C-alpha cells in the first residue's frame, strides 16, 4: 500500500500533532517529521532527552473500520543507566505497527468482554489521534528492558552510593570480614587466655 506524503516541520516543543482519522484516505497518508532535542520534556527518570534530532515516519491507512499505523523512529537518546544512574547515549532505530479501532460504544455497559483477536488492537474513543502520544509510547517501547551504560557496569555501592565505575570505595573491604571471622577472633582470644 502506498501512502500519500504529508510533511510536518516541528520546531516548537510539545506541539500537538492531532490527526483527524476521518480525513485519512483508504490508501493512507505518510507523516514525516523531525523532532528537535527541545521537543522532549524531561518528565521521567528514564529518557533524559535527545542528543540529536529524532526522525519519525508514520503511515496511517484504513483497514475496514480500523486504522493501521506503520512507523519508524530513528535518533539518539540520552538515557539513565539502571545500575549507576549515570547518563549515556543510546542509538535508536525502531519500526512499529499499531492497529487502532474505535471502542465499541455500549450505552448500558461500562465493561465488555475482549476476544483474543482484540488483544492486538489499541482502542481509541475519538476519531482523532495525537502523534505526540504515539511517538512517546513507541520511544518507551523501543528501549531495552534493562538500560545499561555498558554491559559490565558495576553500578553504585549499596552502602555509600559511590559510582563503582569511577572510583573504589572502602565499604566492600571493611565488609570482607564475615560474622564468622569475628567469632573466630573471639574464640582465638579466649584460647590465648586459657
N, C-alpha and C. Protein backbone atom coordinates (compact mmCIF):
# COMPACT_ATOMS: atom_id res chain seq x y z
N UNK A 1 0.84 -1.17 0.00
CA UNK A 1 0.00 0.00 0.00
C UNK A 1 0.89 1.24 0.00
N UNK A 2 0.57 2.17 -0.83
CA UNK A 2 1.37 3.39 -0.93
C UNK A 2 0.58 4.54 -0.31
N UNK A 3 1.18 5.20 0.65
CA UNK A 3 0.54 6.31 1.34
C UNK A 3 0.89 7.63 0.67
N UNK A 4 -0.02 8.60 0.77
CA UNK A 4 0.27 9.95 0.29
C UNK A 4 1.18 10.63 1.30
N UNK A 5 2.05 11.52 0.82
CA UNK A 5 3.02 12.19 1.69
C UNK A 5 2.44 13.45 2.31
N UNK A 6 2.66 13.60 3.60
CA UNK A 6 2.33 14.82 4.34
C UNK A 6 3.57 15.17 5.13
N UNK A 7 4.14 16.35 4.93
CA UNK A 7 5.35 16.77 5.65
C UNK A 7 4.95 17.66 6.81
N UNK A 8 5.51 17.39 7.96
CA UNK A 8 5.31 18.23 9.14
C UNK A 8 6.67 18.74 9.58
N UNK A 9 6.76 20.01 9.87
CA UNK A 9 8.01 20.60 10.36
C UNK A 9 7.73 21.13 11.76
N UNK A 10 8.33 20.50 12.75
CA UNK A 10 8.06 20.84 14.14
C UNK A 10 9.29 21.48 14.76
N UNK A 11 9.15 22.71 15.14
CA UNK A 11 10.27 23.42 15.75
C UNK A 11 10.01 23.72 17.22
N UNK A 12 8.76 23.84 17.61
CA UNK A 12 8.44 24.17 18.99
C UNK A 12 8.27 22.89 19.81
N UNK A 13 8.67 22.92 21.08
CA UNK A 13 8.48 21.74 21.91
C UNK A 13 7.00 21.50 22.17
N UNK A 14 6.66 20.23 22.27
CA UNK A 14 5.31 19.79 22.63
C UNK A 14 4.22 20.36 21.74
N UNK A 15 4.48 20.48 20.45
CA UNK A 15 3.44 20.86 19.51
C UNK A 15 2.51 19.66 19.38
N UNK A 16 1.22 19.87 19.59
CA UNK A 16 0.28 18.77 19.46
C UNK A 16 0.13 18.41 18.00
N UNK A 17 0.22 17.14 17.71
CA UNK A 17 0.11 16.67 16.34
C UNK A 17 -1.18 15.85 16.23
N UNK A 18 -2.31 16.52 16.30
CA UNK A 18 -3.61 15.85 16.24
C UNK A 18 -3.94 15.52 14.79
N UNK A 19 -4.30 14.27 14.54
CA UNK A 19 -4.66 13.81 13.20
C UNK A 19 -6.11 13.34 13.26
N UNK A 20 -6.94 13.93 12.41
CA UNK A 20 -8.33 13.52 12.30
C UNK A 20 -8.37 12.29 11.41
N UNK A 21 -8.72 11.14 11.97
CA UNK A 21 -8.69 9.89 11.23
C UNK A 21 -9.74 9.84 10.12
N UNK A 22 -10.79 10.63 10.23
CA UNK A 22 -11.81 10.65 9.19
C UNK A 22 -11.28 11.22 7.88
N UNK A 23 -10.18 11.98 7.95
CA UNK A 23 -9.61 12.58 6.74
C UNK A 23 -8.58 11.67 6.06
N UNK A 24 -8.29 10.52 6.67
CA UNK A 24 -7.31 9.60 6.10
C UNK A 24 -7.95 8.84 4.94
N UNK A 25 -7.37 8.94 3.73
CA UNK A 25 -7.92 8.18 2.60
C UNK A 25 -7.64 6.68 2.76
N UNK A 26 -8.33 5.87 1.99
CA UNK A 26 -8.17 4.41 2.09
C UNK A 26 -6.73 3.98 1.86
N UNK A 27 -6.05 4.64 0.90
CA UNK A 27 -4.66 4.27 0.65
C UNK A 27 -3.68 4.90 1.64
N UNK A 28 -4.17 5.77 2.53
CA UNK A 28 -3.36 6.26 3.64
C UNK A 28 -2.60 7.54 3.38
N UNK A 29 -2.00 8.05 4.45
CA UNK A 29 -1.14 9.23 4.42
C UNK A 29 0.17 8.93 5.13
N UNK A 30 1.27 9.46 4.58
CA UNK A 30 2.57 9.41 5.24
C UNK A 30 2.76 10.70 6.02
N UNK A 31 3.27 10.57 7.23
CA UNK A 31 3.63 11.73 8.03
C UNK A 31 5.11 11.60 8.36
N UNK A 32 5.91 12.50 7.81
CA UNK A 32 7.35 12.52 8.06
C UNK A 32 7.69 13.80 8.81
N UNK A 33 8.37 13.66 9.93
CA UNK A 33 8.75 14.85 10.68
C UNK A 33 9.98 14.58 11.51
N UNK A 34 10.61 15.66 11.92
CA UNK A 34 11.80 15.60 12.75
C UNK A 34 11.51 16.29 14.07
N UNK A 35 11.83 15.61 15.15
CA UNK A 35 11.66 16.18 16.49
C UNK A 35 12.99 16.72 16.97
N UNK A 36 13.02 17.99 17.24
CA UNK A 36 14.25 18.62 17.73
C UNK A 36 14.48 18.24 19.20
N UNK A 37 15.73 18.32 19.68
CA UNK A 37 16.02 17.92 21.06
C UNK A 37 15.16 18.62 22.11
N UNK A 38 14.74 19.86 21.87
CA UNK A 38 13.94 20.55 22.90
C UNK A 38 12.48 20.11 22.88
N UNK A 39 12.08 19.22 21.96
CA UNK A 39 10.70 18.69 21.95
C UNK A 39 10.45 17.83 23.19
N UNK A 40 11.48 17.08 23.61
CA UNK A 40 11.31 16.17 24.74
C UNK A 40 11.32 16.96 26.04
N UNK A 41 10.28 16.82 26.81
CA UNK A 41 10.24 17.41 28.14
C UNK A 41 10.63 16.32 29.13
N UNK A 42 11.64 16.55 29.92
CA UNK A 42 12.14 15.54 30.86
C UNK A 42 11.15 15.35 31.99
N UNK A 43 10.19 14.46 31.75
CA UNK A 43 9.15 14.24 32.75
C UNK A 43 9.30 12.91 33.47
N UNK A 44 10.40 12.24 33.28
CA UNK A 44 10.63 10.99 33.99
C UNK A 44 12.13 10.79 34.18
N UNK A 45 12.47 9.66 34.74
CA UNK A 45 13.88 9.44 35.03
C UNK A 45 14.57 8.52 34.02
N UNK A 46 13.84 7.95 33.04
CA UNK A 46 14.48 7.05 32.08
C UNK A 46 15.08 7.80 30.91
N UNK A 47 14.24 8.48 30.15
CA UNK A 47 14.72 9.22 28.98
C UNK A 47 15.01 10.65 29.43
N UNK A 48 16.26 11.06 29.31
CA UNK A 48 16.65 12.39 29.75
C UNK A 48 16.52 13.43 28.64
N UNK A 49 16.49 12.98 27.39
CA UNK A 49 16.37 13.90 26.27
C UNK A 49 16.91 13.28 25.00
N UNK A 50 17.04 14.11 23.98
CA UNK A 50 17.59 13.69 22.69
C UNK A 50 18.98 14.28 22.55
N UNK A 51 19.91 13.49 22.01
CA UNK A 51 21.23 14.00 21.72
C UNK A 51 21.25 14.73 20.38
N UNK A 52 20.35 14.34 19.51
CA UNK A 52 20.24 14.92 18.17
C UNK A 52 18.77 14.84 17.75
N UNK A 53 18.41 15.47 16.66
CA UNK A 53 17.02 15.37 16.21
C UNK A 53 16.62 13.91 15.96
N UNK A 54 15.36 13.60 16.23
CA UNK A 54 14.81 12.26 16.03
C UNK A 54 13.90 12.30 14.82
N UNK A 55 14.16 11.43 13.86
CA UNK A 55 13.36 11.37 12.64
C UNK A 55 12.23 10.36 12.80
N UNK A 56 11.03 10.78 12.40
CA UNK A 56 9.85 9.94 12.55
C UNK A 56 9.15 9.82 11.21
N UNK A 57 8.75 8.61 10.88
CA UNK A 57 7.93 8.34 9.70
C UNK A 57 6.75 7.49 10.17
N UNK A 58 5.53 7.96 9.90
CA UNK A 58 4.33 7.19 10.24
C UNK A 58 3.41 7.21 9.03
N UNK A 59 2.97 6.03 8.62
CA UNK A 59 1.97 5.89 7.57
C UNK A 59 0.68 5.43 8.25
N UNK A 60 -0.38 6.21 8.10
CA UNK A 60 -1.68 5.85 8.65
C UNK A 60 -2.58 5.47 7.49
N UNK A 61 -3.14 4.26 7.55
CA UNK A 61 -4.03 3.80 6.49
C UNK A 61 -5.26 3.14 7.11
N UNK A 62 -6.28 3.00 6.29
CA UNK A 62 -7.52 2.36 6.74
C UNK A 62 -7.46 0.86 6.44
N UNK A 63 -8.07 0.09 7.33
CA UNK A 63 -8.24 -1.35 7.14
C UNK A 63 -9.65 -1.68 7.62
N UNK A 64 -10.61 -1.52 6.74
CA UNK A 64 -12.01 -1.69 7.14
C UNK A 64 -12.40 -0.56 8.06
N UNK A 65 -12.88 -0.89 9.26
CA UNK A 65 -13.25 0.12 10.25
C UNK A 65 -12.08 0.49 11.16
N UNK A 66 -10.94 -0.13 10.93
CA UNK A 66 -9.77 0.10 11.76
C UNK A 66 -8.76 0.97 11.02
N UNK A 67 -7.74 1.39 11.75
CA UNK A 67 -6.64 2.18 11.18
C UNK A 67 -5.34 1.48 11.53
N UNK A 68 -4.43 1.48 10.58
CA UNK A 68 -3.12 0.85 10.77
C UNK A 68 -2.06 1.94 10.75
N UNK A 69 -1.22 1.95 11.77
CA UNK A 69 -0.08 2.86 11.84
C UNK A 69 1.18 2.04 11.63
N UNK A 70 1.89 2.30 10.54
CA UNK A 70 3.20 1.70 10.30
C UNK A 70 4.21 2.81 10.49
N UNK A 71 5.20 2.60 11.35
CA UNK A 71 6.12 3.69 11.61
C UNK A 71 7.55 3.28 11.82
N UNK A 72 8.39 4.29 11.81
CA UNK A 72 9.82 4.12 12.05
C UNK A 72 10.31 5.36 12.81
N UNK A 73 11.11 5.13 13.82
CA UNK A 73 11.71 6.20 14.61
C UNK A 73 13.21 5.97 14.65
N UNK A 74 13.99 7.01 14.37
CA UNK A 74 15.45 6.88 14.39
C UNK A 74 16.05 8.13 15.00
N UNK A 75 17.00 7.94 15.88
CA UNK A 75 17.68 9.06 16.51
C UNK A 75 18.60 8.57 17.61
N UNK A 76 19.05 9.49 18.41
CA UNK A 76 19.97 9.17 19.51
C UNK A 76 19.39 9.77 20.79
N UNK A 77 19.14 8.90 21.77
CA UNK A 77 18.53 9.32 23.03
C UNK A 77 19.57 9.40 24.14
N UNK A 78 19.34 10.31 25.05
CA UNK A 78 20.14 10.37 26.27
C UNK A 78 19.29 9.74 27.36
N UNK A 79 19.78 8.63 27.92
CA UNK A 79 19.00 7.91 28.93
C UNK A 79 19.86 7.65 30.17
N UNK A 80 19.20 7.21 31.23
CA UNK A 80 19.86 6.99 32.52
C UNK A 80 20.09 5.49 32.72
N UNK A 81 21.31 5.14 33.12
CA UNK A 81 21.68 3.75 33.38
C UNK A 81 20.94 3.26 34.63
N UNK A 82 20.43 2.03 34.56
CA UNK A 82 19.71 1.45 35.70
C UNK A 82 20.62 1.08 36.86
N UNK A 83 21.90 0.85 36.61
CA UNK A 83 22.81 0.44 37.68
C UNK A 83 23.53 1.60 38.34
N UNK A 84 24.15 2.46 37.53
CA UNK A 84 24.97 3.54 38.11
C UNK A 84 24.25 4.89 38.09
N UNK A 85 23.08 4.96 37.47
CA UNK A 85 22.26 6.16 37.36
C UNK A 85 22.91 7.27 36.54
N UNK A 86 24.00 6.95 35.87
CA UNK A 86 24.68 7.94 35.03
C UNK A 86 24.02 8.05 33.66
N UNK A 87 24.10 9.22 33.04
CA UNK A 87 23.53 9.37 31.70
C UNK A 87 24.44 8.74 30.65
N UNK A 88 23.83 8.22 29.60
CA UNK A 88 24.58 7.73 28.45
C UNK A 88 23.71 7.84 27.21
N UNK A 89 24.31 7.66 26.04
CA UNK A 89 23.60 7.81 24.78
C UNK A 89 23.24 6.44 24.21
N UNK A 90 22.04 6.36 23.67
CA UNK A 90 21.52 5.11 23.10
C UNK A 90 21.02 5.39 21.69
N UNK A 91 21.64 4.73 20.69
CA UNK A 91 21.18 4.88 19.32
C UNK A 91 19.89 4.09 19.15
N UNK A 92 18.92 4.73 18.53
CA UNK A 92 17.60 4.14 18.39
C UNK A 92 17.22 4.06 16.93
N UNK A 93 16.81 2.90 16.51
CA UNK A 93 16.19 2.72 15.20
C UNK A 93 15.14 1.65 15.40
N UNK A 94 13.88 2.05 15.38
CA UNK A 94 12.80 1.15 15.73
C UNK A 94 11.67 1.26 14.72
N UNK A 95 11.14 0.12 14.34
CA UNK A 95 9.95 0.08 13.48
C UNK A 95 8.80 -0.44 14.32
N UNK A 96 7.60 0.03 14.02
CA UNK A 96 6.44 -0.42 14.78
C UNK A 96 5.22 -0.49 13.88
N UNK A 97 4.25 -1.26 14.34
CA UNK A 97 2.96 -1.37 13.66
C UNK A 97 1.91 -1.38 14.76
N UNK A 98 0.90 -0.56 14.59
CA UNK A 98 -0.13 -0.42 15.61
C UNK A 98 -1.49 -0.44 14.91
N UNK A 99 -2.42 -1.23 15.43
CA UNK A 99 -3.77 -1.30 14.90
C UNK A 99 -4.70 -0.57 15.84
N UNK A 100 -5.42 0.42 15.31
CA UNK A 100 -6.34 1.22 16.12
C UNK A 100 -7.77 0.91 15.72
N UNK A 101 -8.65 0.87 16.71
CA UNK A 101 -10.06 0.65 16.44
C UNK A 101 -10.87 1.52 17.39
N UNK A 102 -11.95 2.07 16.87
CA UNK A 102 -12.85 2.81 17.75
C UNK A 102 -13.47 1.84 18.74
N UNK A 103 -13.46 2.19 19.98
CA UNK A 103 -14.02 1.33 21.02
C UNK A 103 -15.52 1.22 20.80
N UNK A 104 -16.05 0.01 20.81
CA UNK A 104 -17.49 -0.13 20.64
C UNK A 104 -18.22 0.56 21.78
N UNK A 105 -19.19 1.37 21.43
CA UNK A 105 -19.94 2.09 22.45
C UNK A 105 -21.15 1.27 22.86
N UNK A 106 -21.19 0.90 24.11
CA UNK A 106 -22.32 0.18 24.68
C UNK A 106 -22.93 1.11 25.72
N UNK A 107 -24.07 1.65 25.40
CA UNK A 107 -24.65 2.68 26.26
C UNK A 107 -24.98 2.17 27.65
N UNK A 108 -25.35 0.89 27.76
CA UNK A 108 -25.74 0.39 29.07
C UNK A 108 -24.65 -0.40 29.76
N UNK A 109 -23.50 -0.59 29.12
CA UNK A 109 -22.42 -1.38 29.70
C UNK A 109 -21.18 -0.52 29.89
N UNK A 110 -20.57 -0.66 31.06
CA UNK A 110 -19.30 0.02 31.29
C UNK A 110 -18.13 -0.92 31.02
N UNK A 111 -18.42 -2.25 30.99
CA UNK A 111 -17.40 -3.24 30.70
C UNK A 111 -17.91 -4.16 29.62
N UNK A 112 -16.99 -4.67 28.82
CA UNK A 112 -17.36 -5.66 27.82
C UNK A 112 -16.20 -6.62 27.62
N UNK A 113 -16.50 -7.80 27.15
CA UNK A 113 -15.51 -8.84 27.00
C UNK A 113 -14.70 -8.64 25.71
N UNK A 114 -13.38 -8.77 25.85
CA UNK A 114 -12.49 -8.70 24.69
C UNK A 114 -12.25 -10.11 24.17
N UNK A 115 -12.27 -10.24 22.87
CA UNK A 115 -11.93 -11.51 22.24
C UNK A 115 -10.43 -11.59 22.08
N UNK A 116 -9.91 -12.78 21.79
CA UNK A 116 -8.46 -12.95 21.66
C UNK A 116 -7.87 -12.04 20.59
N UNK A 117 -8.60 -11.87 19.46
CA UNK A 117 -8.07 -11.02 18.39
C UNK A 117 -8.08 -9.54 18.79
N UNK A 118 -8.85 -9.17 19.82
CA UNK A 118 -8.88 -7.79 20.29
C UNK A 118 -7.63 -7.41 21.09
N UNK A 119 -6.87 -8.39 21.54
CA UNK A 119 -5.71 -8.11 22.38
C UNK A 119 -4.58 -7.42 21.61
N UNK A 120 -4.58 -7.51 20.29
CA UNK A 120 -3.55 -6.85 19.50
C UNK A 120 -4.02 -5.50 18.96
N UNK A 121 -5.17 -5.04 19.43
CA UNK A 121 -5.77 -3.79 18.96
C UNK A 121 -5.69 -2.75 20.07
N UNK A 122 -5.33 -1.53 19.69
CA UNK A 122 -5.42 -0.41 20.63
C UNK A 122 -6.74 0.30 20.37
N UNK A 123 -7.55 0.42 21.40
CA UNK A 123 -8.86 1.05 21.23
C UNK A 123 -8.75 2.55 21.46
N UNK A 124 -9.44 3.30 20.63
CA UNK A 124 -9.49 4.75 20.77
C UNK A 124 -10.94 5.15 20.94
N UNK A 125 -11.17 6.29 21.56
CA UNK A 125 -12.55 6.72 21.84
C UNK A 125 -13.02 7.81 20.89
N UNK A 126 -12.09 8.42 20.17
CA UNK A 126 -12.45 9.50 19.26
C UNK A 126 -11.83 9.23 17.89
N UNK A 127 -12.24 10.00 16.91
CA UNK A 127 -11.69 9.86 15.56
C UNK A 127 -10.42 10.67 15.38
N UNK A 128 -9.77 11.02 16.47
CA UNK A 128 -8.51 11.75 16.41
C UNK A 128 -7.45 11.00 17.20
N UNK A 129 -6.23 11.08 16.70
CA UNK A 129 -5.10 10.57 17.49
C UNK A 129 -4.05 11.65 17.56
N UNK A 130 -3.31 11.63 18.63
CA UNK A 130 -2.23 12.58 18.84
C UNK A 130 -0.92 11.85 18.54
N UNK A 131 -0.24 12.25 17.47
CA UNK A 131 1.02 11.60 17.11
C UNK A 131 2.09 11.81 18.17
N UNK A 132 1.96 12.88 18.97
CA UNK A 132 2.86 13.07 20.12
C UNK A 132 2.81 11.84 21.02
N UNK A 133 1.58 11.42 21.36
CA UNK A 133 1.41 10.26 22.25
C UNK A 133 1.93 8.98 21.61
N UNK A 134 1.69 8.82 20.32
CA UNK A 134 2.18 7.63 19.60
C UNK A 134 3.70 7.58 19.66
N UNK A 135 4.35 8.71 19.37
CA UNK A 135 5.81 8.75 19.37
C UNK A 135 6.36 8.50 20.76
N UNK A 136 5.79 9.13 21.77
CA UNK A 136 6.25 8.92 23.15
C UNK A 136 6.14 7.45 23.54
N UNK A 137 5.00 6.85 23.25
CA UNK A 137 4.79 5.43 23.58
C UNK A 137 5.82 4.55 22.88
N UNK A 138 6.04 4.81 21.61
CA UNK A 138 6.97 3.99 20.84
C UNK A 138 8.41 4.20 21.31
N UNK A 139 8.75 5.38 21.77
CA UNK A 139 10.10 5.60 22.31
C UNK A 139 10.31 4.72 23.54
N UNK A 140 9.34 4.70 24.44
CA UNK A 140 9.47 3.87 25.64
C UNK A 140 9.48 2.39 25.28
N UNK A 141 8.62 1.97 24.35
CA UNK A 141 8.55 0.56 23.98
C UNK A 141 9.81 0.09 23.26
N UNK A 142 10.55 0.99 22.66
CA UNK A 142 11.76 0.61 21.92
C UNK A 142 12.98 0.48 22.83
N UNK A 143 12.88 0.93 24.07
CA UNK A 143 14.02 0.84 24.98
C UNK A 143 14.26 -0.60 25.41
N UNK A 144 15.51 -0.96 25.66
CA UNK A 144 15.76 -2.30 26.20
C UNK A 144 15.17 -2.42 27.60
N UNK A 145 14.92 -3.65 28.03
CA UNK A 145 14.33 -3.87 29.34
C UNK A 145 15.23 -3.33 30.44
N UNK A 146 16.52 -3.60 30.32
CA UNK A 146 17.47 -3.07 31.30
C UNK A 146 18.37 -2.07 30.58
N UNK A 147 18.38 -0.85 31.08
CA UNK A 147 19.15 0.23 30.48
C UNK A 147 20.53 0.27 31.14
N UNK A 148 21.55 -0.14 30.38
CA UNK A 148 22.90 -0.18 30.93
C UNK A 148 23.85 0.64 30.07
N UNK A 149 24.66 1.47 30.73
CA UNK A 149 25.63 2.28 30.01
C UNK A 149 26.69 1.42 29.35
N UNK A 150 27.00 0.29 29.96
CA UNK A 150 27.89 -0.71 29.39
C UNK A 150 27.52 -2.05 30.02
N UNK A 151 27.82 -3.10 29.32
CA UNK A 151 27.37 -4.42 29.76
C UNK A 151 27.92 -4.78 31.14
N UNK A 152 29.15 -4.38 31.43
CA UNK A 152 29.77 -4.73 32.71
C UNK A 152 29.72 -3.57 33.71
N UNK A 153 28.68 -2.74 33.63
CA UNK A 153 28.55 -1.62 34.57
C UNK A 153 28.54 -2.15 36.00
N UNK A 154 29.38 -1.56 36.86
CA UNK A 154 29.49 -2.01 38.25
C UNK A 154 28.41 -1.42 39.15
N UNK A 155 27.76 -0.37 38.70
CA UNK A 155 26.68 0.22 39.48
C UNK A 155 27.17 1.07 40.64
N UNK A 156 26.30 1.23 41.62
CA UNK A 156 26.60 2.03 42.80
C UNK A 156 26.85 1.12 43.99
N UNK A 157 27.70 1.57 44.90
CA UNK A 157 27.91 0.83 46.14
C UNK A 157 26.61 0.90 46.94
N UNK A 158 26.10 -0.23 47.39
CA UNK A 158 24.84 -0.21 48.14
C UNK A 158 24.96 0.45 49.52
N UNK A 159 26.18 0.63 50.00
CA UNK A 159 26.36 1.23 51.32
C UNK A 159 26.59 2.73 51.27
N UNK A 160 27.60 3.15 50.46
CA UNK A 160 27.95 4.57 50.45
C UNK A 160 27.45 5.30 49.21
N UNK A 161 27.03 4.56 48.17
CA UNK A 161 26.47 5.20 46.98
C UNK A 161 27.47 5.68 45.96
N UNK A 162 28.76 5.37 46.13
CA UNK A 162 29.76 5.82 45.17
C UNK A 162 29.59 5.04 43.86
N UNK A 163 29.85 5.71 42.73
CA UNK A 163 29.78 5.06 41.41
C UNK A 163 31.03 4.19 41.27
N UNK A 164 30.83 2.88 41.28
CA UNK A 164 31.94 1.95 41.26
C UNK A 164 32.63 1.88 39.90
N UNK A 165 32.07 2.50 38.87
CA UNK A 165 32.74 2.59 37.58
C UNK A 165 33.84 3.65 37.60
N UNK A 166 33.71 4.63 38.50
CA UNK A 166 34.65 5.77 38.53
C UNK A 166 35.65 5.70 39.67
N UNK A 167 35.24 5.12 40.77
CA UNK A 167 36.15 5.07 41.91
C UNK A 167 35.84 3.87 42.79
N UNK A 168 36.80 3.53 43.61
CA UNK A 168 36.63 2.43 44.56
C UNK A 168 36.19 2.99 45.89
N UNK A 169 35.47 2.19 46.60
CA UNK A 169 35.10 2.60 47.96
C UNK A 169 35.69 1.61 48.95
N UNK A 170 35.74 2.00 50.20
CA UNK A 170 36.29 1.14 51.24
C UNK A 170 35.23 0.29 51.91
N UNK A 171 33.99 0.51 51.57
CA UNK A 171 32.90 -0.24 52.21
C UNK A 171 33.06 -1.73 52.00
N UNK A 172 33.39 -2.13 50.81
CA UNK A 172 33.49 -3.56 50.49
C UNK A 172 34.66 -4.20 51.24
N UNK A 173 35.78 -3.48 51.36
CA UNK A 173 36.94 -4.03 52.06
C UNK A 173 36.63 -4.20 53.54
N UNK A 174 35.91 -3.22 54.11
CA UNK A 174 35.55 -3.31 55.51
C UNK A 174 34.60 -4.47 55.76
N UNK A 175 33.76 -4.77 54.80
CA UNK A 175 32.75 -5.81 54.98
C UNK A 175 33.27 -7.19 54.63
N UNK A 176 34.54 -7.30 54.19
CA UNK A 176 35.07 -8.62 53.85
C UNK A 176 35.13 -9.51 55.07
N UNK A 177 35.19 -8.92 56.25
CA UNK A 177 35.15 -9.72 57.47
C UNK A 177 33.73 -10.20 57.67
N UNK A 178 33.57 -11.50 57.62
CA UNK A 178 32.24 -12.06 57.81
C UNK A 178 31.95 -12.14 59.31
N UNK A 179 30.72 -12.37 59.69
CA UNK A 179 30.39 -12.54 61.11
C UNK A 179 31.14 -13.73 61.72
N UNK A 180 31.46 -14.71 60.90
CA UNK A 180 32.18 -15.88 61.40
C UNK A 180 33.64 -15.54 61.72
N UNK A 181 34.19 -14.52 60.99
CA UNK A 181 35.55 -14.08 61.30
C UNK A 181 35.59 -13.46 62.70
N UNK A 182 34.57 -12.71 63.04
CA UNK A 182 34.52 -12.12 64.37
C UNK A 182 34.43 -13.22 65.43
N UNK A 183 33.66 -14.24 65.16
CA UNK A 183 33.53 -15.37 66.08
C UNK A 183 34.87 -16.09 66.23
N UNK A 184 35.57 -16.27 65.10
CA UNK A 184 36.88 -16.94 65.12
C UNK A 184 37.87 -16.12 65.95
N UNK A 185 37.85 -14.78 65.76
CA UNK A 185 38.75 -13.91 66.53
C UNK A 185 38.44 -14.01 68.02
N UNK A 186 37.15 -14.05 68.35
CA UNK A 186 36.75 -14.15 69.76
C UNK A 186 37.20 -15.48 70.35
N UNK A 187 37.06 -16.57 69.60
CA UNK A 187 37.49 -17.87 70.08
C UNK A 187 39.01 -17.94 70.23
N UNK A 188 39.73 -17.32 69.26
CA UNK A 188 41.19 -17.29 69.36
C UNK A 188 41.65 -16.51 70.58
N UNK A 189 40.96 -15.40 70.87
CA UNK A 189 41.36 -14.62 72.04
C UNK A 189 41.04 -15.37 73.33
N UNK A 190 39.99 -16.15 73.38
CA UNK A 190 39.67 -16.96 74.57
C UNK A 190 40.69 -18.07 74.76
N UNK A 191 41.13 -18.68 73.65
CA UNK A 191 42.13 -19.72 73.73
C UNK A 191 43.44 -19.18 74.26
N UNK A 192 43.77 -17.96 73.86
CA UNK A 192 45.01 -17.35 74.31
C UNK A 192 44.98 -17.11 75.81
N UNK A 193 43.79 -16.81 76.35
CA UNK A 193 43.65 -16.57 77.78
C UNK A 193 43.78 -17.86 78.57
N UNK A 194 43.31 -18.96 78.00
CA UNK A 194 43.37 -20.24 78.69
C UNK A 194 44.77 -20.75 78.66
